[in-house]
Amino acid sequence: MRALLTPGDHARLADAIKAAEARTDAEIVCVVAGQASDWRFVPVLYAATLALVAPWGLLAATRWDTATLLLVQLNLFAIATLVLSWPPLRFRLAPRAAARRRAHQAASEQFLVRGIGRTEARAGVLIFVAVAERYACVIPDSAAQAAVPQETWRKAIEALTDDLHAGRPADGLEKAIGMCADALAAHRPAGARNRNELADRVIEY
């Protein structure tokens, strides 16, 4: 899957994260996943359903024998699986609720993998995007969540998703970084010992 961000976007967002963390004792981590799941079972499920249903119509409309119907059924399954496996279509066919659940699970995994829950101040914040699932979220660690109203995270997500839908992913991430930083700086300003514990870059995979 093609990268969402250009090298220039990465440099710009790294600068935004550094500037944001200079104002607060919190750590901001941005992760962009091309997909939370490959959803390879989805084409098989749709193709199997089509292959199971189609013979009933053929039985009513033709006088084909069982062997012919089975051959048509097999070919229909193979062709439908191939067509529906085209990535843009495959991701579109994934059930929306399931896609959101899997993307949120992937965000939670990244929160753990990137060490956001192990910072000294427990004020780390994850900004996460799953491109294929069209999903974005902000996950704050305990101290950040306690300090900043939930409404702030929601507005940051809205700003991010608005720009993602408009084809401006770097702008959306920069806005979300800035909004999170403003709120964190107001409630958890940088102290005398403001260690940089996590990477100041967007992690894209």
Protein backbone atom coordinates (compact mmCIF):
# COMPACT_ATOMS: atom_id res chain seq x y z
CA MET A 1 0.00 0.00 0.00
CA ARG A 2 1.29 3.46 -0.95
CA ALA A 3 2.65 5.59 1.89
CA LEU A 4 0.27 8.28 3.13
CA LEU A 5 2.99 10.82 3.91
CA THR A 6 5.85 12.18 1.81
CA PRO A 7 9.42 12.59 3.18
CA GLY A 8 8.70 16.32 3.43
CA ASP A 9 5.57 15.59 5.48
CA HIS A 10 7.61 13.40 7.83
CA ALA A 11 10.19 16.16 8.38
CA ARG A 12 7.50 18.77 8.96
CA LEU A 13 5.61 16.62 11.44
CA ALA A 14 8.77 15.66 13.32
CA ASP A 15 9.42 19.39 13.83
CA ALA A 16 5.82 19.82 15.02
CA ILE A 17 6.23 17.03 17.58
CA LYS A 18 9.51 18.48 18.86
CA ALA A 19 7.96 21.93 19.22
CA ALA A 20 4.92 20.48 20.96
CA GLU A 21 6.97 18.46 23.47
CA ALA A 22 9.10 21.48 24.31
CA ARG A 23 6.00 22.99 25.94
CA THR A 24 4.85 20.04 28.05
CA ASP A 25 6.14 17.12 30.07
CA ALA A 26 3.98 14.84 27.92
CA GLU A 27 5.18 12.69 25.03
CA ILE A 28 3.28 12.72 21.72
CA VAL A 29 3.60 9.73 19.40
CA CYS A 30 2.04 9.58 15.93
CA VAL A 31 1.52 6.25 14.19
CA VAL A 32 0.08 5.81 10.69
CA ALA A 33 -0.82 2.23 9.73
CA GLY A 34 -1.54 1.42 6.10
CA GLN A 35 -4.04 -1.15 7.37
CA ALA A 36 -5.04 -2.65 10.68
CA SER A 37 -5.88 -5.98 9.03
CA ASP A 38 -5.54 -7.44 5.54
CA TRP A 39 -9.22 -8.56 5.60
CA ARG A 40 -8.43 -11.50 3.32
CA PHE A 41 -11.36 -13.49 4.69
CA VAL A 42 -13.85 -10.91 3.37
CA PRO A 43 -13.57 -11.76 -0.37
CA VAL A 44 -13.76 -15.48 0.45
CA LEU A 45 -16.90 -14.94 2.54
CA TYR A 46 -18.67 -12.93 -0.17
CA ALA A 47 -17.56 -15.28 -2.94
CA ALA A 48 -18.69 -18.35 -1.01
CA THR A 49 -22.11 -16.79 -0.39
CA LEU A 50 -22.47 -15.93 -4.08
CA ALA A 51 -21.36 -19.41 -5.14
CA LEU A 52 -23.86 -21.04 -2.77
CA VAL A 53 -26.80 -18.90 -3.87
CA ALA A 54 -26.23 -18.82 -7.65
CA PRO A 55 -26.96 -22.52 -8.39
CA TRP A 56 -30.53 -22.17 -7.13
CA GLY A 57 -31.26 -19.60 -9.81
CA LEU A 58 -29.51 -21.73 -12.43
CA LEU A 59 -31.56 -24.76 -11.41
CA ALA A 60 -34.74 -22.82 -12.09
CA ALA A 61 -33.53 -21.22 -15.32
CA THR A 62 -31.59 -24.08 -16.98
CA ARG A 63 -31.59 -27.82 -17.45
CA TRP A 64 -27.92 -28.22 -16.64
CA ASP A 65 -26.88 -31.42 -14.93
CA THR A 66 -25.29 -31.54 -11.49
CA ALA A 67 -21.73 -31.79 -12.78
CA THR A 68 -22.17 -28.64 -14.87
CA LEU A 69 -23.72 -26.74 -11.98
CA LEU A 70 -20.87 -27.75 -9.69
CA LEU A 71 -18.33 -26.60 -12.29
CA VAL A 72 -20.11 -23.24 -12.64
CA GLN A 73 -20.25 -22.92 -8.87
CA LEU A 74 -16.53 -23.59 -8.53
CA ASN A 75 -15.60 -21.14 -11.30
CA LEU A 76 -17.91 -18.49 -9.87
CA PHE A 77 -16.29 -18.84 -6.46
CA ALA A 78 -12.78 -18.57 -7.92
CA ILE A 79 -13.58 -15.55 -10.11
CA ALA A 80 -15.50 -13.71 -7.38
CA THR A 81 -12.68 -14.30 -4.88
CA LEU A 82 -10.14 -12.94 -7.37
CA VAL A 83 -12.17 -9.85 -8.22
CA LEU A 84 -13.17 -9.03 -4.65
CA SER A 85 -9.55 -9.43 -3.46
CA TRP A 86 -8.58 -6.22 -5.25
CA PRO A 87 -7.39 -4.19 -2.22
CA PRO A 88 -9.54 -1.02 -2.62
CA LEU A 89 -12.65 -3.19 -2.99
CA ARG A 90 -11.63 -5.65 -0.29
CA PHE A 91 -11.23 -2.91 2.32
CA ARG A 92 -14.52 -1.31 1.29
CA LEU A 93 -16.33 -4.61 1.80
CA ALA A 94 -15.04 -5.04 5.36
CA PRO A 95 -17.93 -4.47 7.80
CA ARG A 96 -17.64 -0.95 9.22
CA ALA A 97 -18.12 -1.96 12.85
CA ALA A 98 -15.56 -4.76 12.53
CA ALA A 99 -13.09 -2.41 10.82
CA ARG A 100 -13.39 0.12 13.63
CA ARG A 101 -12.91 -2.56 16.29
CA ARG A 102 -9.83 -3.98 14.57
CA ALA A 103 -8.36 -0.52 14.01
CA HIS A 104 -8.89 0.41 17.64
CA GLN A 105 -7.27 -2.86 18.69
CA ALA A 106 -4.29 -2.02 16.46
CA ALA A 107 -4.08 1.42 18.11
CA SER A 108 -4.07 -0.17 21.57
CA GLU A 109 -1.30 -2.52 20.46
CA GLN A 110 0.77 0.41 19.20
CA PHE A 111 0.25 2.21 22.50
CA LEU A 112 1.94 -0.72 24.22
CA VAL A 113 4.57 -1.47 21.58
CA ARG A 114 5.78 2.15 21.40
CA GLY A 115 6.18 2.39 25.18
CA ILE A 116 3.69 5.21 25.61
CA GLY A 117 2.44 3.69 28.85
CA ARG A 118 5.93 3.54 30.32
CA THR A 119 6.91 7.23 30.34
CA GLU A 120 8.03 8.77 33.61
CA ALA A 121 5.12 11.20 33.83
CA ARG A 122 2.54 8.73 32.45
CA ALA A 123 1.39 11.58 30.23
CA GLY A 124 2.04 10.07 26.82
CA VAL A 125 -0.47 10.50 24.00
CA LEU A 126 -0.88 8.34 20.91
CA ILE A 127 -2.32 9.83 17.72
CA PHE A 128 -3.21 6.87 15.49
CA VAL A 129 -4.48 6.52 11.92
CA ALA A 130 -5.45 3.30 10.12
CA VAL A 131 -5.66 4.33 6.46
CA ALA A 132 -7.50 1.37 4.93
CA GLU A 133 -10.10 1.31 7.70
CA ARG A 134 -10.54 5.12 7.52
CA TYR A 135 -10.10 5.31 11.27
CA ALA A 136 -8.33 7.72 13.60
CA CYS A 137 -8.11 8.00 17.36
CA VAL A 138 -6.22 9.65 20.19
CA ILE A 139 -5.28 7.49 23.19
CA PRO A 140 -3.90 9.35 26.25
CA ASP A 141 -2.08 7.68 29.12
CA SER A 142 -3.54 7.98 32.62
CA ALA A 143 -2.00 11.31 33.67
CA ALA A 144 -2.81 12.98 30.36
CA GLN A 145 -6.35 11.65 30.45
CA ALA A 146 -6.84 12.93 34.00
CA ALA A 147 -5.48 16.39 33.15
CA VAL A 148 -7.21 17.10 29.85
CA PRO A 149 -10.98 17.05 29.20
CA GLN A 150 -12.24 14.29 26.90
CA GLU A 151 -13.71 16.94 24.62
CA THR A 152 -10.19 18.05 23.68
CA TRP A 153 -9.26 14.62 22.35
CA ARG A 154 -12.54 14.43 20.45
CA LYS A 155 -11.93 17.79 18.76
CA ALA A 156 -8.40 16.74 17.81
CA ILE A 157 -9.78 13.58 16.19
CA GLU A 158 -12.39 15.60 14.31
CA ALA A 159 -9.76 18.01 12.98
CA LEU A 160 -7.60 15.09 11.92
CA THR A 161 -10.37 13.14 10.19
CA ASP A 162 -11.68 16.23 8.39
CA ASP A 163 -8.29 16.75 6.76
CA LEU A 164 -7.84 13.04 6.09
CA HIS A 165 -11.13 12.97 4.20
CA ALA A 166 -10.07 16.09 2.30
CA GLY A 167 -6.79 14.45 1.24
CA ARG A 168 -4.60 16.54 3.55
CA PRO A 169 -3.19 13.94 5.99
CA ALA A 170 -0.12 15.95 7.04
CA ASP A 171 -2.26 19.01 7.79
CA GLY A 172 -4.63 16.89 9.88
CA LEU A 173 -1.83 15.31 11.87
CA GLU A 174 -0.19 18.68 12.44
CA LYS A 175 -3.48 20.13 13.71
CA ALA A 176 -4.04 17.16 16.02
CA ILE A 177 -0.49 17.46 17.37
CA GLY A 178 -0.97 21.18 18.00
CA MET A 179 -4.36 20.79 19.68
CA CYS A 180 -3.07 18.04 21.97
CA ALA A 181 0.04 20.08 22.76
CA ASP A 182 -1.99 23.21 23.60
CA ALA A 183 -4.14 21.29 26.06
CA LEU A 184 -1.24 19.40 27.60
CA ALA A 185 0.89 22.55 27.96
CA ALA A 186 -1.96 24.26 29.79
CA HIS A 187 -2.38 21.42 32.28
CA ARG A 188 1.06 19.78 32.25
CA PRO A 189 3.70 22.36 31.26
CA ALA A 190 7.32 21.40 30.71
CA GLY A 191 9.37 21.19 33.89
CA ALA A 192 13.04 21.82 34.54
CA ARG A 193 13.85 18.20 33.63
CA ASN A 194 11.92 17.70 30.42
CA ARG A 195 13.41 14.46 29.10
CA ASN A 196 12.62 13.31 25.58
CA GLU A 197 11.69 9.67 26.15
CA LEU A 198 10.09 8.67 22.84
CA ALA A 199 10.85 9.22 19.17
CA ASP A 200 9.93 12.61 17.69
CA ARG A 201 8.73 11.31 14.35
CA VAL A 202 5.69 9.86 12.69
CA ILE A 203 5.90 6.08 12.56
CA GLU A 204 4.39 4.87 9.29
CA TYR A 205 4.06 1.21 8.36
